[in-house]
């Protein structure tokens, strides 16, 4: 999602030269680019967090008395 925002934002900011009367597409593009970059950084930080390892003790072969 954030990579898509980056791509669309950069296209609007750098490549589109259309006047829509009241809407600055260059500014909208830069805003989308910044939001996409922040989202990418946040998602990378969340993905790199250390997660606790849960280990279960399993007896092999299983105890026939259970």
Protein backbone atom coordinates (compact mmCIF):
# COMPACT_ATOMS: atom_id res chain seq x y z
CA UNK A 1 0.00 0.00 0.00
CA UNK A 2 2.69 2.49 0.96
CA UNK A 3 4.76 1.69 -2.14
CA UNK A 4 1.66 2.42 -4.23
CA UNK A 5 1.20 5.75 -2.46
CA UNK A 6 4.84 6.57 -3.15
CA UNK A 7 4.47 5.73 -6.84
CA UNK A 8 1.22 7.64 -7.36
CA UNK A 9 2.50 10.58 -5.33
CA UNK A 10 5.73 10.86 -7.29
CA UNK A 11 3.89 10.61 -10.61
CA UNK A 12 1.52 13.39 -9.56
CA UNK A 13 4.33 15.53 -8.15
CA UNK A 14 6.83 15.15 -10.94
CA UNK A 15 5.11 14.10 -14.15
CA UNK A 16 1.56 15.47 -14.28
CA UNK A 17 1.14 19.03 -15.50
CA UNK A 18 -2.63 19.53 -15.51
CA UNK A 19 -4.46 22.56 -14.14
CA UNK A 20 -7.67 21.52 -12.40
CA UNK A 21 -8.59 24.95 -11.10
CA UNK A 22 -8.26 25.03 -7.34
CA UNK A 23 -6.50 21.69 -6.89
CA UNK A 24 -2.72 21.69 -6.89
CA UNK A 25 -1.84 18.20 -8.10
CA UNK A 26 1.84 18.75 -7.40
CA UNK A 27 1.10 19.44 -3.72
CA UNK A 28 -1.25 16.45 -3.54
CA UNK A 29 1.49 14.31 -5.06
CA UNK A 30 4.06 15.42 -2.49
CA UNK A 31 1.60 14.80 0.34
CA UNK A 32 0.92 11.26 -0.94
CA UNK A 33 4.66 10.68 -1.27
CA UNK A 34 5.32 11.75 2.32
CA UNK A 35 2.45 9.63 3.67
CA UNK A 36 3.68 6.63 1.65
CA UNK A 37 7.24 7.05 2.95
CA UNK A 38 6.03 7.27 6.55
CA UNK A 39 3.88 4.17 6.05
CA UNK A 40 6.80 2.26 4.56
CA UNK A 41 9.11 3.18 7.45
CA UNK A 42 6.48 2.25 10.05
CA UNK A 43 5.74 -1.10 8.40
CA UNK A 44 9.45 -1.93 8.23
CA UNK A 45 9.92 -1.06 11.90
CA UNK A 46 6.95 -3.20 12.92
CA UNK A 47 8.23 -6.12 10.83
CA UNK A 48 11.66 -5.95 12.50
CA UNK A 49 10.38 -6.08 16.07
CA UNK A 50 11.62 -8.98 18.15
CA UNK A 51 8.84 -11.40 18.88
CA UNK A 52 8.89 -13.82 21.82
CA UNK A 53 9.55 -17.44 21.00
CA UNK A 54 7.06 -19.86 22.51
CA UNK A 55 8.31 -23.39 22.98
CA UNK A 56 6.19 -26.35 23.92
CA UNK A 57 7.55 -29.47 25.47
CA UNK A 58 6.51 -32.51 23.50
CA UNK A 59 7.35 -36.02 24.65
CA UNK A 60 8.26 -38.45 21.87
CA UNK A 61 7.06 -41.13 21.69
CA UNK A 62 3.80 -40.04 23.31
CA UNK A 63 3.15 -41.42 26.76
CA UNK A 64 0.65 -44.34 26.36
CA UNK A 65 -0.72 -43.78 29.88
CA UNK A 66 -2.40 -40.51 28.82
